[in-house]
Amino acid sequence: MTTRAMHPVLPPGLRRACQRATGPKRGRRIVLHLGPHKTASTFIQRMAEFNLPRLPLSCEVIAREAAELQALRRITMKLRSEDAARAAHAELTEAAAVLGVRGRYARATLISHEDLLGPMPSRAGIMGLYPFAHLTLPAMLEGLQTEGAEVQVALYRRPIHDWLTSVQRYRNRHRPDAPWLDVRDFAARHAIPYYWQGFYKRLETVLPQGALHVLEFRAERDAGLVGAGLYRLMGMDARRIARLVHIPPQNVTRPETARPAGDPAQPQQ
């Protein structure tokens, strides 16, 4: 039997019909990918959506622009204090529960959006490294787990110097004459710690044991596909991942660096 016959490409309508025919799934997994910003999150989302017809029927991808996902995003993006984050617990839980229902016919669902951590550090006047995430994530998980789903949280790690350089470049993308700060000065100005570990520890204290997965941006980029770790968390093996169709990455800070179609998908920023 040919590979194509074993793994047919299904149009969206037929795919949904096939999934619904077997009913809601028990023991399903939600992979909640939270970026952070400037770790190829938009590329990962576009790549997953583009390849959805090629994924196993056991896997689902919630579109970046899905109304339920955008509703949850709008809540996290408006928070400006710890008190506001605590007060939003019920609202976050309710929105997450509605979003979680979207994947009830698949055993593994990818939900991906970097703004669920909150605004990009240095934006919206918020000081620190996603300072409210330890308050908002438990509320989201409470909602996503209402139908018994297991939630795994995934973050991509990029060396902090490279990451902060990319953040500052993005912040100044429309201001060519803006002064360029030393990366440590940029971090200090916005109260951003010059390391990731403290941020991860904050999340580990509020998440179930083993639920946080830190994936290496540079390693996956160099291997040819940022996002491969998410597909593995969804239960896909290396052969299935290798059969995905690569799309050209787009650098949102410097669009002129995008590779032509057909080139290996290796986003640089």
Protein backbone atom coordinates (compact mmCIF):
# COMPACT_ATOMS: atom_id res chain seq x y z
CA MET A 1 0.00 0.00 0.00
CA THR A 2 1.36 3.43 -0.85
CA THR A 3 2.11 6.08 1.72
CA ARG A 4 -0.53 8.32 0.17
CA ALA A 5 -3.17 5.59 0.59
CA MET A 6 -2.14 5.02 4.20
CA HIS A 7 -2.24 8.72 5.06
CA PRO A 8 -4.86 10.42 2.88
CA VAL A 9 -5.11 14.19 2.69
CA LEU A 10 -8.63 15.00 3.83
CA PRO A 11 -10.48 18.25 3.11
CA PRO A 12 -11.72 20.01 6.27
CA GLY A 13 -15.38 19.04 5.96
CA LEU A 14 -14.66 15.34 5.44
CA ARG A 15 -12.04 15.37 8.16
CA ARG A 16 -14.50 16.80 10.71
CA ALA A 17 -17.15 14.31 9.67
CA CYS A 18 -14.77 11.39 10.15
CA GLN A 19 -13.76 12.64 13.59
CA ARG A 20 -17.34 13.23 14.73
CA ALA A 21 -18.41 9.79 13.52
CA THR A 22 -16.47 8.17 16.37
CA GLY A 23 -17.83 10.56 19.00
CA PRO A 24 -16.12 12.64 21.70
CA LYS A 25 -12.85 11.18 22.93
CA ARG A 26 -12.01 10.20 26.47
CA GLY A 27 -8.54 10.69 27.90
CA ARG A 28 -7.68 13.33 25.36
CA ARG A 29 -4.67 15.64 25.51
CA ILE A 30 -4.46 19.38 24.89
CA VAL A 31 -1.07 20.81 23.98
CA LEU A 32 -1.16 24.46 24.99
CA HIS A 33 1.68 26.23 23.17
CA LEU A 34 2.33 29.68 24.64
CA GLY A 35 5.20 30.98 22.54
CA PRO A 36 6.74 33.10 23.97
CA HIS A 37 6.85 36.00 21.50
CA LYS A 38 9.75 36.02 19.03
CA THR A 39 10.20 32.25 18.96
CA ALA A 40 8.54 31.61 15.58
CA SER A 41 5.07 31.24 17.13
CA THR A 42 3.18 32.62 14.12
CA PHE A 43 5.15 30.34 11.80
CA ILE A 44 4.37 27.34 14.00
CA GLN A 45 0.67 28.18 13.93
CA ARG A 46 0.57 28.74 10.15
CA MET A 47 2.51 25.52 9.57
CA ALA A 48 0.15 23.49 11.77
CA GLU A 49 -2.97 24.95 10.16
CA PHE A 50 -1.61 24.39 6.65
CA ASN A 51 -0.81 20.76 7.42
CA LEU A 52 -4.02 19.95 9.27
CA PRO A 53 -5.43 17.93 6.32
CA ARG A 54 -2.29 15.75 6.52
CA LEU A 55 -2.35 15.15 10.26
CA PRO A 56 -3.74 11.93 11.72
CA LEU A 57 -7.47 12.08 12.50
CA SER A 58 -6.47 11.74 16.14
CA CYS A 59 -4.92 15.23 15.99
CA GLU A 60 -6.66 18.59 15.82
CA VAL A 61 -5.36 22.15 15.47
CA ILE A 62 -7.31 25.19 16.65
CA ALA A 63 -6.86 27.98 14.12
CA ARG A 64 -5.05 31.09 15.35
CA GLU A 65 -8.05 33.26 14.39
CA ALA A 66 -10.70 30.94 15.85
CA ALA A 67 -13.29 33.01 17.72
CA GLU A 68 -12.96 30.94 20.91
CA LEU A 69 -9.17 31.35 20.98
CA GLN A 70 -9.38 35.06 20.25
CA ALA A 71 -11.89 35.48 23.08
CA LEU A 72 -9.40 33.98 25.54
CA ARG A 73 -6.58 36.07 24.09
CA ARG A 74 -8.52 39.30 24.54
CA ILE A 75 -8.80 38.64 28.27
CA THR A 76 -5.08 38.04 28.80
CA MET A 77 -4.10 41.03 26.69
CA LYS A 78 -6.13 43.51 28.73
CA LEU A 79 -4.67 42.60 32.14
CA ARG A 80 -2.43 45.25 33.67
CA SER A 81 -2.01 44.22 37.31
CA GLU A 82 -1.92 41.17 39.57
CA ASP A 83 -5.22 42.21 41.10
CA ALA A 84 -6.82 42.32 37.64
CA ALA A 85 -5.34 38.92 36.81
CA ARG A 86 -6.80 37.41 39.98
CA ALA A 87 -10.17 39.03 39.37
CA ALA A 88 -10.25 37.58 35.84
CA HIS A 89 -9.98 33.96 37.07
CA ALA A 90 -13.63 33.04 36.45
CA GLU A 91 -13.68 34.83 33.09
CA LEU A 92 -10.53 33.04 31.96
CA THR A 93 -11.84 29.66 33.12
CA GLU A 94 -15.14 30.10 31.31
CA ALA A 95 -13.48 31.20 28.05
CA ALA A 96 -10.98 28.33 28.24
CA ALA A 97 -13.77 25.80 28.80
CA VAL A 98 -15.52 26.99 25.63
CA LEU A 99 -12.23 26.77 23.73
CA GLY A 100 -11.47 23.29 25.05
CA VAL A 101 -14.70 21.88 23.63
CA ARG A 102 -13.37 22.57 20.12
CA GLY A 103 -11.08 19.56 20.34
CA ARG A 104 -13.43 17.01 21.87
CA TYR A 105 -13.42 14.75 18.77
CA ALA A 106 -9.64 14.32 18.67
CA ARG A 107 -7.29 12.59 21.06
CA ALA A 108 -4.73 15.41 20.85
CA THR A 109 -5.41 19.08 20.18
CA LEU A 110 -2.93 21.89 19.60
CA ILE A 111 -3.91 25.30 20.95
CA SER A 112 -1.24 27.86 20.13
CA HIS A 113 -1.02 31.59 20.71
CA GLU A 114 1.82 33.60 22.25
CA ASP A 115 -0.53 36.32 23.52
CA LEU A 116 -2.05 33.93 26.04
CA LEU A 117 1.01 34.72 28.16
CA GLY A 118 0.02 38.38 28.01
CA PRO A 119 1.53 41.30 26.07
CA MET A 120 5.10 41.07 24.82
CA PRO A 121 7.51 42.22 27.55
CA SER A 122 8.27 45.95 27.20
CA ARG A 123 4.83 46.62 25.73
CA ALA A 124 1.67 48.05 27.34
CA GLY A 125 3.67 49.50 30.22
CA ILE A 126 3.96 46.11 31.90
CA MET A 127 7.22 45.51 33.75
CA GLY A 128 8.81 42.09 34.03
CA LEU A 129 8.79 38.79 32.21
CA TYR A 130 5.11 37.89 31.66
CA PRO A 131 4.38 38.87 35.29
CA PHE A 132 0.81 37.54 35.47
CA ALA A 133 1.26 34.17 33.76
CA HIS A 134 1.41 32.26 37.06
CA LEU A 135 -2.05 33.65 37.85
CA THR A 136 -3.71 33.25 34.46
CA LEU A 137 -2.43 29.79 33.51
CA PRO A 138 -4.13 27.88 36.36
CA ALA A 139 -7.44 29.50 35.41
CA MET A 140 -6.98 28.46 31.78
CA LEU A 141 -6.09 24.91 32.74
CA GLU A 142 -9.12 24.71 35.01
CA GLY A 143 -11.33 25.52 32.02
CA LEU A 144 -9.54 23.33 29.51
CA GLN A 145 -9.71 20.33 31.87
CA THR A 146 -13.47 20.52 32.45
CA GLU A 147 -14.15 17.62 30.08
CA GLY A 148 -11.34 15.53 31.53
CA ALA A 149 -8.61 16.60 29.14
CA GLU A 150 -4.96 16.43 30.18
CA VAL A 151 -3.20 19.72 29.44
CA GLN A 152 0.48 19.94 28.58
CA VAL A 153 1.99 23.45 28.45
CA ALA A 154 4.81 24.08 25.96
CA LEU A 155 7.20 27.02 25.73
CA TYR A 156 10.14 27.57 23.40
CA ARG A 157 13.42 28.73 24.91
CA ARG A 158 15.75 30.99 22.99
CA PRO A 159 19.03 32.26 24.47
CA ILE A 160 18.01 35.32 26.46
CA HIS A 161 20.44 37.69 24.70
CA ASP A 162 19.17 36.64 21.25
CA TRP A 163 15.58 36.78 22.42
CA LEU A 164 15.85 40.26 23.90
CA THR A 165 17.67 41.48 20.78
CA SER A 166 14.77 40.22 18.67
CA VAL A 167 12.20 41.78 21.03
CA GLN A 168 13.91 45.17 20.80
CA ARG A 169 14.22 44.91 17.02
CA TYR A 170 10.52 44.12 16.78
CA ARG A 171 9.61 46.99 19.08
CA ASN A 172 11.58 49.40 16.84
CA ARG A 173 10.48 47.95 13.49
CA HIS A 174 8.52 51.08 12.55
CA ARG A 175 11.01 53.49 14.13
CA PRO A 176 14.25 53.32 12.14
CA ASP A 177 15.73 56.23 14.09
CA ALA A 178 14.93 54.82 17.53
CA PRO A 179 18.00 54.55 19.77
CA TRP A 180 19.36 51.01 20.16
CA LEU A 181 20.00 50.05 23.76
CA ASP A 182 22.52 47.57 25.02
CA VAL A 183 20.54 44.38 25.57
CA ARG A 184 21.14 44.39 29.32
CA ASP A 185 20.10 48.05 29.50
CA PHE A 186 16.95 47.22 27.53
CA ALA A 187 16.18 44.41 29.98
CA ALA A 188 16.84 46.60 33.01
CA ARG A 189 14.64 49.42 31.68
CA HIS A 190 11.68 47.03 31.48
CA ALA A 191 12.51 44.98 34.61
CA ILE A 192 13.06 41.87 32.50
CA PRO A 193 15.34 39.33 34.25
CA TYR A 194 18.36 38.30 32.22
CA TYR A 195 17.54 34.61 32.51
CA TRP A 196 14.56 32.29 31.94
CA GLN A 197 14.83 29.94 34.89
CA GLY A 198 12.99 32.12 37.39
CA PHE A 199 10.06 32.42 34.97
CA TYR A 200 9.87 28.66 34.52
CA LYS A 201 9.99 28.10 38.28
CA ARG A 202 7.06 30.48 38.75
CA LEU A 203 5.03 28.41 36.31
CA GLU A 204 6.11 25.06 37.73
CA THR A 205 4.75 26.06 41.15
CA VAL A 206 1.21 26.46 39.76
CA LEU A 207 1.10 23.76 37.07
CA PRO A 208 0.63 20.02 37.60
CA GLN A 209 3.89 18.12 37.93
CA GLY A 210 5.36 17.34 34.51
CA ALA A 211 2.94 19.59 32.66
CA LEU A 212 5.53 22.21 31.62
CA HIS A 213 7.68 21.42 28.57
CA VAL A 214 10.51 23.78 27.61
CA LEU A 215 11.51 23.17 24.00
CA GLU A 216 14.72 24.44 22.40
CA PHE A 217 14.10 26.99 19.65
CA ARG A 218 17.63 26.93 18.26
CA ALA A 219 17.92 23.13 18.18
CA GLU A 220 14.64 22.70 16.30
CA ARG A 221 15.45 25.56 13.92
CA ASP A 222 18.82 24.02 13.09
CA ALA A 223 17.21 20.59 12.64
CA GLY A 224 14.82 22.04 10.04
CA LEU A 225 11.46 22.52 11.76
CA VAL A 226 10.57 24.74 14.68
CA GLY A 227 7.43 23.15 16.08
CA ALA A 228 8.52 19.52 15.83
CA GLY A 229 8.43 19.18 19.62
CA LEU A 230 4.75 20.13 19.64
CA TYR A 231 3.90 17.41 17.14
CA ARG A 232 5.75 14.91 19.33
CA LEU A 233 3.70 16.02 22.33
CA MET A 234 0.60 15.35 20.22
CA GLY A 235 1.76 11.77 19.72
CA MET A 236 3.17 11.98 16.19
CA ASP A 237 6.29 9.99 15.38
CA ALA A 238 9.32 11.16 13.40
CA ARG A 239 8.11 9.67 10.11
CA ARG A 240 4.79 11.50 10.25
CA ILE A 241 6.51 14.74 11.18
CA ALA A 242 8.94 14.36 8.28
CA ARG A 243 6.02 14.05 5.84
CA LEU A 244 4.64 17.49 6.72
CA VAL A 245 4.75 20.05 3.92
CA HIS A 246 7.04 22.94 4.77
CA ILE A 247 5.81 26.46 4.16
CA PRO A 248 8.03 29.53 3.67
CA PRO A 249 8.66 31.33 6.96
CA GLN A 250 7.98 35.02 7.27
CA ASN A 251 10.04 37.24 9.51
CA VAL A 252 7.50 39.71 10.87
CA THR A 253 10.26 42.15 11.82
CA ARG A 254 12.14 41.89 8.52
CA PRO A 255 9.82 40.44 5.84
CA GLU A 256 12.53 40.72 3.19
CA THR A 257 14.35 37.81 4.84
CA ALA A 258 11.54 35.33 4.13
CA ARG A 259 12.74 32.31 2.16
CA PRO A 260 11.13 31.42 -1.16
CA ALA A 261 8.52 28.66 -1.26
CA GLY A 262 10.09 25.20 -1.26
CA ASP A 263 13.08 26.12 0.90
CA PRO A 264 13.48 24.42 4.28
CA ALA A 265 11.27 26.05 6.88
CA GLN A 266 13.88 27.59 9.19
CA PRO A 267 12.65 30.85 10.68
CA GLN A 268 15.53 32.97 11.86
CA GLN A 269 13.83 35.44 14.20
